Protein backbone atom coordinates (compact mmCIF):
# COMPACT_ATOMS: atom_id res chain seq x y z
CA MET A 1 16.08 -28.82 -1.28
CA GLU A 2 16.88 -25.20 -0.48
CA GLU A 3 16.67 -24.24 -4.18
CA GLN A 4 13.22 -25.85 -4.40
CA GLN A 5 12.04 -23.89 -1.36
CA GLN A 6 13.42 -20.67 -2.87
CA GLN A 7 11.51 -21.32 -6.11
CA ASN A 8 8.32 -21.97 -4.17
CA VAL A 9 8.75 -18.65 -2.35
CA LEU A 10 9.31 -16.75 -5.60
CA ALA A 11 6.31 -18.34 -7.27
CA ALA A 12 3.94 -17.71 -4.36
CA ALA A 13 0.87 -15.57 -4.92
CA PHE A 14 2.01 -13.12 -2.22
CA PRO A 15 5.80 -13.59 -1.95
CA ALA A 16 7.73 -12.25 0.99
CA PRO A 17 9.64 -8.98 0.45
CA PRO A 18 13.24 -9.40 -0.71
CA PRO A 19 15.82 -9.35 2.08
CA PHE A 20 17.57 -6.22 0.78
CA TRP A 21 14.69 -3.97 1.88
CA GLN A 22 16.54 -3.54 5.17
CA SER A 23 19.30 -1.68 3.31
CA PHE A 24 16.95 1.23 2.54
CA SER A 25 17.54 3.03 5.82
CA PRO A 26 17.70 6.85 6.14
CA GLU A 27 21.44 6.66 6.86
CA ASN A 28 22.18 4.58 3.74
CA LEU A 29 19.96 6.76 1.54
CA SER A 30 21.75 9.88 2.77
CA ALA A 31 25.15 8.28 2.21
CA ILE A 32 24.45 7.21 -1.39
CA SER A 33 22.87 10.60 -2.16
CA SER A 34 26.04 12.38 -1.07
CA LEU A 35 28.17 9.97 -3.14
CA ARG A 36 26.02 10.61 -6.21
CA ALA A 37 26.25 14.36 -5.67
CA ASP A 38 30.04 14.18 -5.49
CA GLN A 39 30.17 12.00 -8.59
CA SER A 40 27.85 14.38 -10.45
CA GLN A 41 30.02 17.39 -9.57
CA SER A 42 33.20 15.65 -10.70
CA SER A 43 31.63 14.49 -13.97
CA SER A 44 30.09 17.89 -14.74
CA SER A 45 33.43 19.63 -14.21
CA SER A 46 35.15 17.36 -16.70
CA LYS A 47 32.63 17.63 -19.55
CA THR A 48 29.88 19.80 -20.95
CA GLU A 49 26.47 20.26 -19.40
CA PRO A 50 24.55 16.91 -19.59
CA ASP A 51 21.20 16.61 -21.25
CA PRO A 52 18.60 15.39 -18.71
CA ALA A 53 16.54 13.78 -21.47
CA THR A 54 19.36 11.51 -22.66
CA GLU A 55 21.65 11.33 -19.64
CA LEU A 56 21.67 7.92 -17.94
CA PRO A 57 21.60 7.62 -14.14
CA ILE A 58 24.97 7.82 -12.45
CA ARG A 59 26.32 4.39 -11.58
CA LEU A 60 28.78 4.22 -8.73
CA LEU A 61 31.56 1.67 -8.59
CA ASP A 62 33.13 0.07 -5.52
CA LEU A 63 30.19 0.78 -3.26
CA PRO A 64 30.18 -0.55 0.31
CA ALA A 65 28.24 -3.74 0.91
CA GLU A 66 25.39 -1.95 2.70
CA LEU A 67 24.90 0.46 -0.24
CA ARG A 68 25.06 -1.93 -3.20
CA CYS A 69 21.37 -2.82 -3.05
CA LEU A 70 20.40 0.87 -3.26
CA GLN A 71 21.74 1.15 -6.80
CA PRO A 72 19.28 -0.09 -9.47
CA PRO A 73 20.61 -2.91 -11.65
CA GLU A 74 21.48 -2.29 -15.26
CA PRO A 75 18.71 -2.84 -17.82
CA PRO A 76 18.73 -6.37 -19.23
CA VAL A 77 20.67 -6.60 -22.47
CA GLU A 78 18.90 -9.68 -23.83
CA GLY A 79 15.42 -8.45 -22.94
CA ILE A 80 14.75 -11.16 -20.35
CA TYR A 81 13.39 -10.39 -16.90
CA ARG A 82 12.18 -12.42 -13.96
CA CYS A 83 8.77 -11.97 -12.33
CA PHE A 84 7.60 -14.20 -9.46
CA GLY A 85 10.20 -16.81 -10.31
CA ASP A 86 9.34 -17.05 -14.04
CA LEU A 87 11.42 -15.73 -16.94
CA TYR A 88 9.81 -13.48 -19.54
CA ASN A 89 11.04 -11.89 -22.74
CA MET A 90 10.10 -8.26 -23.21
CA ASN A 91 9.93 -8.68 -26.99
CA ASP A 92 7.55 -11.64 -26.94
CA PRO A 93 4.39 -10.78 -28.92
CA LEU A 94 0.97 -11.54 -27.54
CA PRO A 95 0.16 -15.10 -28.66
CA SER A 96 -3.08 -15.57 -30.52
CA LEU A 97 -5.92 -17.72 -29.21
CA GLU A 98 -5.29 -20.27 -31.95
CA GLU A 99 -1.69 -20.65 -30.84
CA GLN A 100 -2.94 -21.31 -27.31
CA GLY A 101 -5.45 -23.89 -28.52
CA ILE A 102 -8.45 -21.75 -27.50
CA GLN A 103 -11.53 -21.27 -29.68
CA GLN A 104 -11.83 -17.68 -30.85
CA LEU A 105 -15.42 -16.48 -30.49
CA TYR A 106 -15.10 -13.20 -32.37
CA THR A 107 -13.72 -11.97 -35.64
CA PRO A 108 -10.35 -10.32 -34.97
CA PRO A 109 -10.61 -6.54 -35.39
CA MET A 110 -8.71 -4.84 -38.21
CA THR A 111 -8.77 -7.87 -40.50
CA PRO A 112 -9.85 -8.08 -44.16
CA THR A 113 -12.91 -10.12 -43.13
CA SER A 114 -14.06 -7.57 -40.57
CA ASN A 115 -13.30 -4.57 -42.78
CA SER A 116 -15.10 -5.98 -45.80
CA ASP A 117 -18.55 -6.14 -44.22
CA GLY A 118 -18.00 -3.57 -41.46
CA LYS A 119 -19.03 -5.93 -38.63
CA HIS A 120 -17.31 -6.58 -35.31
CA THR A 121 -14.69 -3.87 -35.80
CA ASP A 122 -15.43 -2.19 -32.46
CA ARG A 123 -13.58 -3.88 -29.59
CA ALA A 124 -15.84 -2.24 -27.02
CA LEU A 125 -18.88 -3.76 -28.73
CA ILE A 126 -17.22 -7.18 -28.72
CA LEU A 127 -16.43 -6.87 -25.02
CA LYS A 128 -20.04 -5.97 -24.27
CA ARG A 129 -21.29 -8.99 -26.19
CA ILE A 130 -18.89 -11.34 -24.43
CA ALA A 131 -19.92 -9.88 -21.05
CA LYS A 132 -23.59 -10.54 -21.86
CA SER A 133 -22.71 -14.06 -22.95
CA LEU A 134 -20.91 -14.61 -19.66
CA LEU A 135 -23.98 -13.55 -17.69
CA LEU A 136 -26.24 -15.78 -19.81
CA ASN A 137 -23.95 -18.81 -19.45
CA PHE A 138 -23.69 -18.26 -15.72
CA LEU A 139 -27.48 -18.29 -15.42
CA GLU A 140 -27.56 -21.46 -17.50
CA LEU A 141 -24.95 -22.99 -15.18
CA VAL A 142 -27.11 -22.13 -12.16
CA GLY A 143 -30.09 -23.83 -13.87
CA ILE A 144 -28.03 -26.92 -14.69
CA MET A 145 -26.76 -27.15 -11.11
CA SER A 146 -30.34 -27.04 -9.84
CA VAL A 147 -31.58 -29.75 -12.24
CA ASN A 148 -28.64 -32.08 -12.98
CA PRO A 149 -25.34 -31.02 -11.31
CA GLU A 150 -23.40 -33.78 -13.06
CA GLN A 151 -23.64 -31.95 -16.41
CA TYR A 152 -21.76 -28.84 -15.27
CA GLN A 153 -18.49 -29.56 -17.09
CA GLU A 154 -19.62 -28.44 -20.54
CA LYS A 155 -20.99 -25.15 -19.23
CA ILE A 156 -17.84 -24.56 -17.17
CA GLN A 157 -15.79 -25.06 -20.34
CA ASP A 158 -17.98 -22.51 -22.16
CA LEU A 159 -17.44 -19.98 -19.36
CA ARG A 160 -13.68 -20.63 -19.45
CA THR A 161 -13.57 -20.02 -23.21
CA LEU A 162 -15.56 -16.80 -22.83
CA PHE A 163 -13.31 -15.53 -20.04
CA ILE A 164 -10.13 -16.30 -22.00
CA ASN A 165 -11.49 -14.51 -25.08
CA PHE A 166 -12.48 -11.53 -22.92
CA HIS A 167 -9.05 -11.41 -21.25
CA HIS A 168 -7.20 -11.80 -24.55
CA LEU A 169 -9.11 -8.89 -26.08
CA LEU A 170 -8.29 -6.76 -23.04
CA ASN A 171 -4.59 -7.64 -23.35
CA GLU A 172 -4.61 -6.19 -26.87
CA TYR A 173 -5.23 -2.82 -25.22
CA ARG A 174 -2.03 -3.02 -23.11
CA PRO A 175 0.21 -1.09 -25.57
CA HIS A 176 -2.47 1.59 -25.88
CA GLN A 177 -2.82 1.68 -22.09
CA ALA A 178 0.94 2.08 -21.63
CA ARG A 179 1.05 4.86 -24.23
CA GLU A 180 -1.89 6.71 -22.66
CA SER A 181 -0.40 6.30 -19.17
CA LEU A 182 2.87 7.79 -20.40
CA ILE A 183 1.00 10.68 -22.04
CA GLN A 184 -0.94 11.33 -18.84
CA MET A 185 2.26 11.20 -16.79
CA MET A 186 4.00 13.68 -19.09
CA GLN A 187 0.96 15.98 -19.04
CA THR A 188 0.94 15.88 -15.24
CA GLN A 189 4.63 16.78 -15.14
CA LEU A 190 4.05 19.57 -17.66
CA GLU A 191 1.14 21.00 -15.66
CA ARG A 192 3.19 20.83 -12.47
CA SER A 193 6.09 22.64 -14.17
CA ARG A 194 3.72 25.27 -15.54
CA SER A 195 2.14 25.80 -12.12
CA GLU A 196 5.56 26.12 -10.50
CA THR A 197 6.64 28.58 -13.21
CA GLN A 198 3.45 30.59 -12.71
CA GLY A 199 4.03 30.63 -8.96
CA ILE A 200 7.58 31.89 -9.49
CA ARG A 201 6.32 34.63 -11.81
CA GLU A 202 3.65 35.70 -9.33
CA MET A 203 6.19 35.78 -6.52
CA LYS A 204 8.53 37.82 -8.76
CA LEU A 205 5.75 40.37 -9.35
CA LYS A 206 5.05 40.55 -5.61
CA VAL A 207 8.74 41.09 -4.81
CA GLU A 208 9.02 43.75 -7.52
CA GLY A 209 5.92 45.48 -6.11
CA ILE A 210 7.35 45.42 -2.60
CA LEU A 211 10.68 46.79 -3.82
CA GLU A 212 8.93 49.49 -5.80
CA GLY A 213 6.88 50.45 -2.75
CA LEU A 214 10.00 50.59 -0.60
CA SER A 215 11.79 52.74 -3.17
CA GLN A 216 8.84 55.14 -3.33
CA ALA A 217 8.69 55.29 0.46
CA LYS A 218 12.43 55.98 0.58
CA LEU A 219 12.09 58.68 -2.07
CA ALA A 220 9.23 60.32 -0.19
CA GLU A 221 11.26 60.18 3.03
CA ASP A 222 14.27 61.77 1.34
CA MET A 223 12.10 64.53 -0.15
CA GLU A 224 10.52 65.19 3.23
CA LYS A 225 13.94 65.31 4.81
CA GLU A 226 15.18 67.78 2.18
CA GLU A 227 12.12 69.96 2.72
CA SER A 228 12.65 69.91 6.48
CA GLU A 229 16.29 70.86 6.00
CA LYS A 230 15.28 73.73 3.70
CA ASP A 231 12.72 74.91 6.27
CA GLY A 232 15.43 74.83 8.94
CA VAL A 233 17.76 76.89 6.76
CA GLU A 234 15.02 79.40 6.02
CA GLU A 235 14.20 79.69 9.72
CA GLY A 236 17.89 80.25 10.52
CA LYS A 237 18.14 82.98 7.89
CA ALA A 238 15.04 84.67 9.31
CA VAL A 239 16.51 84.61 12.83
CA TRP A 240 19.77 86.12 11.63
CA GLU A 241 17.90 88.84 9.78
CA VAL A 242 15.91 89.73 12.91
CA LEU A 243 19.09 89.82 14.99
CA GLU A 244 20.85 92.06 12.46
CA ARG A 245 17.91 94.51 12.45
CA GLU A 246 17.85 94.60 16.23
CA PHE A 247 21.53 95.33 16.61
CA ASP A 248 21.66 97.79 13.79
């Protein structure tokens, strides 16, 4: 009975947060950060400098019970993960509409049939046509409901087929979307690194300018001091000469 309730909670549309969220307190985060820093220092002293691009995150062993949930689990070896109570395989290809028993309303792009006559090769054009068909079928459904509501099932089935075709064509863009998102993320990181580097260079120029100004001010002060000392010596010599003339 408890297992069935747990499955219902995991499969809910808006499941409750997992119980280990309470472990992410400021004290626990500070404690595991210090442990990772100590582990990183000990590992770096025993081997060469790690490569950030290939170095895996540090995994700590024998953690206290309150810190175990703060360490991410290891990546699945078999490629299976759980999402909302269901198991998925990361290597599963996108099933075709025929495999799902759904009528395919468009010629699949990048096929010999589509490339031979040059029609329906643009996915954006196909999406626009399906969207227009959805609007037209919805208007037809409204007309049917106003005349004979009992005949709605066929039009509902047509709308369902159109929506599934539209969604399936969008899902074919997922690898492209993931690749573009990764490119955008890397570009953002690169721009941030470049801006930080530029800020460091500008600050370096400012510090060098300040130091150069201080050195010039110090040099001018030393030269003024030397000139004042020379003037004092000259004045002393003049006084002694006047005194010698008076007494002679």
